[in-house]
Amino acid sequence: MAAACGSRADDRDYARPNAAPVVAPVKPLVEARPRIVVLGDSLTAGLGLASRESYPMLLQERLKNQGLNFEVVNAGVSGDTSSGGLSRVDWALEGDVRILIVALGGNDGLRGLPPEQLQQNLARIIERAQARHIEVILAGMEAPPNYGRDYIVSFHKVYPALAHTYGVTLVPFLLQGVAGTERLNQRDGIHPTSAGARIVADNVWAALEPVARRLGRPGS
């Protein structure tokens, strides 16, 4: 109790001329690692999963196992659209960010928002990252079938068009192998289970690994 409140013994030590100085233990410095930011919505945040089961954290584990010294930042916000991602991209890119994974658009599609608006928002996100010399990986999404074929086709074309225009790496479909498979999705039919999230991590890893290896080399 005396130690917690600042004891009189401490006062006597400071007053005693020959008292040995109290030296606080030196904590080892933690090396700051370059960052990989995953900017997304609830699919990225890992809605319904333990945080360690979200695909960004699975990517973190793979990077560690491969000796690639990056810190993955999960910047997923449930309910976010491409507009919401654009509004917080400058904050997300603070610090030593080397790679930005953009995984937005699912909520745009669910709400039937114009594909032109999606393309404009994603383009601005990519431009802001590239202005900081950050490598961008763009994860594609697909629109639900209830808005008709024209909408689905226009939505689908957004992602490869942006990848071509800006020269960024494309994950053709974030939920490839997961969407539409009941056992890999939670009861809402939208968000992956832990097994589904592992497949999503596989999809992203195929694009991320070569970029991370290239940027992880000395002098990169």
Protein backbone atom coordinates (compact mmCIF):
# COMPACT_ATOMS: atom_id res chain seq x y z
CA MET A 1 0.00 0.00 0.00
CA ALA A 2 2.89 2.32 0.84
CA ALA A 3 4.45 1.71 -2.56
CA ALA A 4 1.23 2.56 -4.33
CA CYS A 5 0.71 5.85 -2.55
CA GLY A 6 4.31 7.13 -2.50
CA SER A 7 5.87 6.05 0.82
CA ARG A 8 7.87 7.99 3.40
CA ALA A 9 10.67 5.48 2.83
CA ASP A 10 10.98 6.92 -0.68
CA ASP A 11 11.32 10.41 0.85
CA ARG A 12 14.05 9.23 3.20
CA ASP A 13 16.00 7.73 0.31
CA TYR A 14 15.95 11.01 -1.63
CA ALA A 15 17.05 12.89 1.49
CA ARG A 16 19.89 10.51 2.35
CA PRO A 17 23.16 11.75 0.73
CA ASN A 18 24.68 8.30 0.18
CA ALA A 19 21.52 6.55 -1.05
CA ALA A 20 22.02 4.61 -4.27
CA PRO A 21 20.08 6.12 -7.16
CA VAL A 22 17.03 4.22 -8.29
CA VAL A 23 17.44 3.28 -11.95
CA ALA A 24 14.36 2.29 -13.91
CA PRO A 25 14.80 -0.81 -16.05
CA VAL A 26 15.35 -0.01 -19.70
CA LYS A 27 12.66 -1.47 -21.91
CA PRO A 28 13.86 -2.86 -25.21
CA LEU A 29 12.89 -0.75 -28.18
CA VAL A 30 10.21 -2.30 -30.36
CA GLU A 31 11.16 -2.05 -34.01
CA ALA A 32 8.54 -0.17 -36.01
CA ARG A 33 7.48 -2.29 -38.94
CA PRO A 34 6.28 -1.07 -42.32
CA ARG A 35 2.53 -1.40 -42.65
CA ILE A 36 0.04 -3.08 -44.90
CA VAL A 37 -3.38 -1.43 -44.53
CA VAL A 38 -6.55 -3.29 -45.50
CA LEU A 39 -9.25 -0.70 -46.20
CA GLY A 40 -12.62 -2.40 -46.28
CA ASP A 41 -16.05 -3.02 -44.81
CA SER A 42 -17.50 -5.74 -42.56
CA LEU A 43 -15.95 -8.48 -44.70
CA THR A 44 -12.56 -7.06 -43.76
CA ALA A 45 -13.50 -6.21 -40.17
CA GLY A 46 -14.45 -9.87 -39.70
CA LEU A 47 -18.05 -9.41 -38.62
CA GLY A 48 -19.20 -12.40 -36.59
CA LEU A 49 -15.68 -13.77 -36.19
CA ALA A 50 -13.01 -13.57 -33.51
CA SER A 51 -10.50 -10.88 -34.47
CA ARG A 52 -7.80 -13.49 -35.07
CA GLU A 53 -10.07 -15.19 -37.63
CA SER A 54 -10.51 -12.14 -39.88
CA TYR A 55 -8.65 -12.45 -43.15
CA PRO A 56 -6.32 -9.49 -42.43
CA MET A 57 -5.09 -11.25 -39.29
CA LEU A 58 -4.68 -14.49 -41.23
CA LEU A 59 -2.54 -12.53 -43.68
CA GLN A 60 -0.50 -11.22 -40.77
CA GLU A 61 0.19 -14.78 -39.66
CA ARG A 62 1.26 -15.81 -43.16
CA LEU A 63 3.61 -12.86 -43.47
CA LYS A 64 5.19 -13.78 -40.15
CA ASN A 65 5.58 -17.42 -41.15
CA GLN A 66 7.26 -16.35 -44.40
CA GLY A 67 9.65 -14.01 -42.61
CA LEU A 68 8.09 -10.90 -44.15
CA ASN A 69 8.30 -8.17 -41.55
CA PHE A 70 5.10 -6.15 -42.07
CA GLU A 71 2.39 -5.05 -39.68
CA VAL A 72 -1.12 -5.57 -41.05
CA VAL A 73 -3.62 -2.89 -40.05
CA ASN A 74 -7.25 -3.97 -40.26
CA ALA A 75 -9.06 -0.80 -41.39
CA GLY A 76 -12.38 -2.51 -41.98
CA VAL A 77 -15.53 -0.69 -40.88
CA SER A 78 -18.87 -2.47 -40.96
CA GLY A 79 -21.39 -0.88 -43.31
CA ASP A 80 -18.79 1.19 -45.14
CA THR A 81 -19.25 2.04 -48.80
CA SER A 82 -16.57 3.24 -51.19
CA SER A 83 -17.54 6.78 -50.20
CA GLY A 84 -16.93 6.00 -46.54
CA GLY A 85 -13.56 4.46 -47.37
CA LEU A 86 -12.58 7.56 -49.31
CA SER A 87 -13.49 9.76 -46.35
CA ARG A 88 -11.04 7.96 -44.07
CA VAL A 89 -8.25 6.94 -46.43
CA ASP A 90 -5.92 9.80 -45.45
CA TRP A 91 -6.13 8.74 -41.82
CA ALA A 92 -5.63 5.09 -42.76
CA LEU A 93 -2.45 5.91 -44.69
CA GLU A 94 -0.69 7.66 -41.81
CA GLY A 95 2.65 6.18 -40.81
CA ASP A 96 4.99 3.95 -42.79
CA VAL A 97 2.41 2.33 -45.06
CA ARG A 98 3.94 0.38 -47.96
CA ILE A 99 0.90 -1.51 -49.29
CA LEU A 100 -2.80 -0.62 -49.37
CA ILE A 101 -5.34 -3.36 -50.00
CA VAL A 102 -8.63 -1.80 -51.11
CA ALA A 103 -11.55 -4.14 -50.43
CA LEU A 104 -14.60 -1.93 -50.87
CA GLY A 105 -17.74 -1.96 -52.95
CA GLY A 106 -19.82 -4.74 -51.41
CA ASN A 107 -22.14 -2.30 -49.70
CA ASP A 108 -22.32 -0.12 -52.80
CA GLY A 109 -23.66 -3.16 -54.62
CA LEU A 110 -26.08 -4.15 -51.88
CA ARG A 111 -27.53 -0.63 -51.91
CA GLY A 112 -27.65 -0.37 -55.68
CA LEU A 113 -25.41 2.69 -55.76
CA PRO A 114 -24.25 3.82 -59.21
CA PRO A 115 -21.19 1.93 -60.52
CA GLU A 116 -19.87 5.26 -61.83
CA GLN A 117 -19.81 6.58 -58.27
CA LEU A 118 -18.02 3.44 -57.09
CA GLN A 119 -15.40 3.86 -59.80
CA GLN A 120 -14.83 7.52 -58.96
CA ASN A 121 -14.43 6.82 -55.25
CA LEU A 122 -12.05 3.91 -55.75
CA ALA A 123 -10.04 5.93 -58.27
CA ARG A 124 -9.56 8.72 -55.74
CA ILE A 125 -8.48 6.23 -53.08
CA ILE A 126 -5.90 4.74 -55.44
CA GLU A 127 -4.65 8.17 -56.46
CA ARG A 128 -4.15 9.24 -52.86
CA ALA A 129 -2.18 6.10 -52.10
CA GLN A 130 -0.05 6.36 -55.22
CA ALA A 131 0.69 10.01 -54.44
CA ARG A 132 2.40 8.67 -51.31
CA HIS A 133 4.24 5.99 -53.34
CA ILE A 134 2.17 3.22 -51.73
CA GLU A 135 1.57 0.01 -53.68
CA VAL A 136 -2.14 -0.73 -54.16
CA ILE A 137 -3.89 -4.08 -54.38
CA LEU A 138 -7.51 -3.81 -55.48
CA ALA A 139 -9.95 -6.55 -54.44
CA GLY A 140 -12.91 -6.92 -56.76
CA MET A 141 -16.50 -7.39 -55.69
CA GLU A 142 -19.64 -8.45 -57.52
CA ALA A 143 -23.14 -6.96 -57.39
CA PRO A 144 -26.10 -9.06 -56.21
CA PRO A 145 -28.42 -10.38 -58.93
CA ASN A 146 -31.51 -8.43 -57.93
CA TYR A 147 -30.54 -5.20 -59.74
CA GLY A 148 -30.52 -6.73 -63.21
CA ARG A 149 -27.90 -7.73 -65.75
CA ASP A 150 -26.93 -4.23 -66.87
CA TYR A 151 -26.12 -3.18 -63.33
CA ILE A 152 -24.20 -6.40 -62.63
CA VAL A 153 -22.08 -6.03 -65.76
CA SER A 154 -21.35 -2.33 -65.14
CA PHE A 155 -20.41 -3.06 -61.54
CA HIS A 156 -18.13 -5.95 -62.50
CA LYS A 157 -16.23 -3.85 -65.06
CA VAL A 158 -15.23 -1.22 -62.49
CA TYR A 159 -12.42 -3.23 -60.92
CA PRO A 160 -10.47 -4.47 -63.97
CA ALA A 161 -10.84 -1.04 -65.55
CA LEU A 162 -9.27 0.64 -62.52
CA ALA A 163 -6.52 -1.97 -62.30
CA HIS A 164 -5.65 -1.31 -65.94
CA THR A 165 -5.81 2.48 -65.67
CA TYR A 166 -3.68 2.74 -62.54
CA GLY A 167 -1.45 -0.30 -63.00
CA VAL A 168 -2.44 -1.87 -59.69
CA THR A 169 -2.59 -5.54 -58.73
CA LEU A 170 -6.09 -7.01 -58.96
CA VAL A 171 -7.76 -9.70 -56.88
CA PRO A 172 -10.54 -10.53 -59.36
CA PHE A 173 -13.15 -11.38 -56.71
CA LEU A 174 -12.53 -11.15 -52.97
CA LEU A 175 -15.11 -13.84 -52.18
CA GLN A 176 -14.12 -16.29 -54.94
CA GLY A 177 -14.86 -19.82 -53.74
CA VAL A 178 -16.89 -18.52 -50.77
CA ALA A 179 -19.87 -16.56 -52.10
CA GLY A 180 -22.92 -18.75 -52.55
CA THR A 181 -21.52 -21.71 -50.59
CA GLU A 182 -23.72 -22.18 -47.53
CA ARG A 183 -21.21 -23.96 -45.32
CA LEU A 184 -18.65 -21.17 -45.84
CA ASN A 185 -21.00 -18.35 -44.87
CA GLN A 186 -22.71 -17.29 -41.69
CA ARG A 187 -26.47 -17.41 -41.35
CA ASP A 188 -26.88 -14.07 -43.14
CA GLY A 189 -25.44 -15.63 -46.31
CA ILE A 190 -23.08 -12.68 -46.75
CA HIS A 191 -20.27 -12.86 -44.21
CA PRO A 192 -17.79 -15.75 -44.30
CA THR A 193 -17.36 -18.24 -41.50
CA SER A 194 -13.85 -18.84 -40.16
CA ALA A 195 -13.38 -21.49 -42.88
CA GLY A 196 -14.61 -19.02 -45.49
CA ALA A 197 -12.28 -16.32 -44.20
CA ARG A 198 -9.33 -18.67 -44.74
CA ILE A 199 -10.30 -18.97 -48.40
CA VAL A 200 -10.62 -15.17 -48.65
CA ALA A 201 -7.12 -14.93 -47.18
CA ASP A 202 -5.93 -17.37 -49.88
CA ASN A 203 -7.43 -15.13 -52.56
CA VAL A 204 -5.70 -12.03 -51.24
CA TRP A 205 -2.44 -13.79 -50.45
CA ALA A 206 -2.00 -14.81 -54.08
CA ALA A 207 -1.81 -11.11 -54.97
CA LEU A 208 -0.10 -9.88 -51.80
CA GLU A 209 2.78 -12.32 -51.48
CA PRO A 210 4.78 -11.26 -54.56
CA VAL A 211 4.29 -7.57 -53.75
CA ALA A 212 5.32 -8.08 -50.12
CA ARG A 213 8.38 -10.08 -51.14
CA ARG A 214 9.47 -7.40 -53.60
CA LEU A 215 8.99 -4.56 -51.12
CA GLY A 216 10.49 -6.59 -48.28
CA ARG A 217 13.87 -6.82 -49.99
CA PRO A 218 16.64 -4.55 -48.65
CA GLY A 219 16.72 -1.27 -50.52
CA SER A 220 13.12 -1.53 -51.71
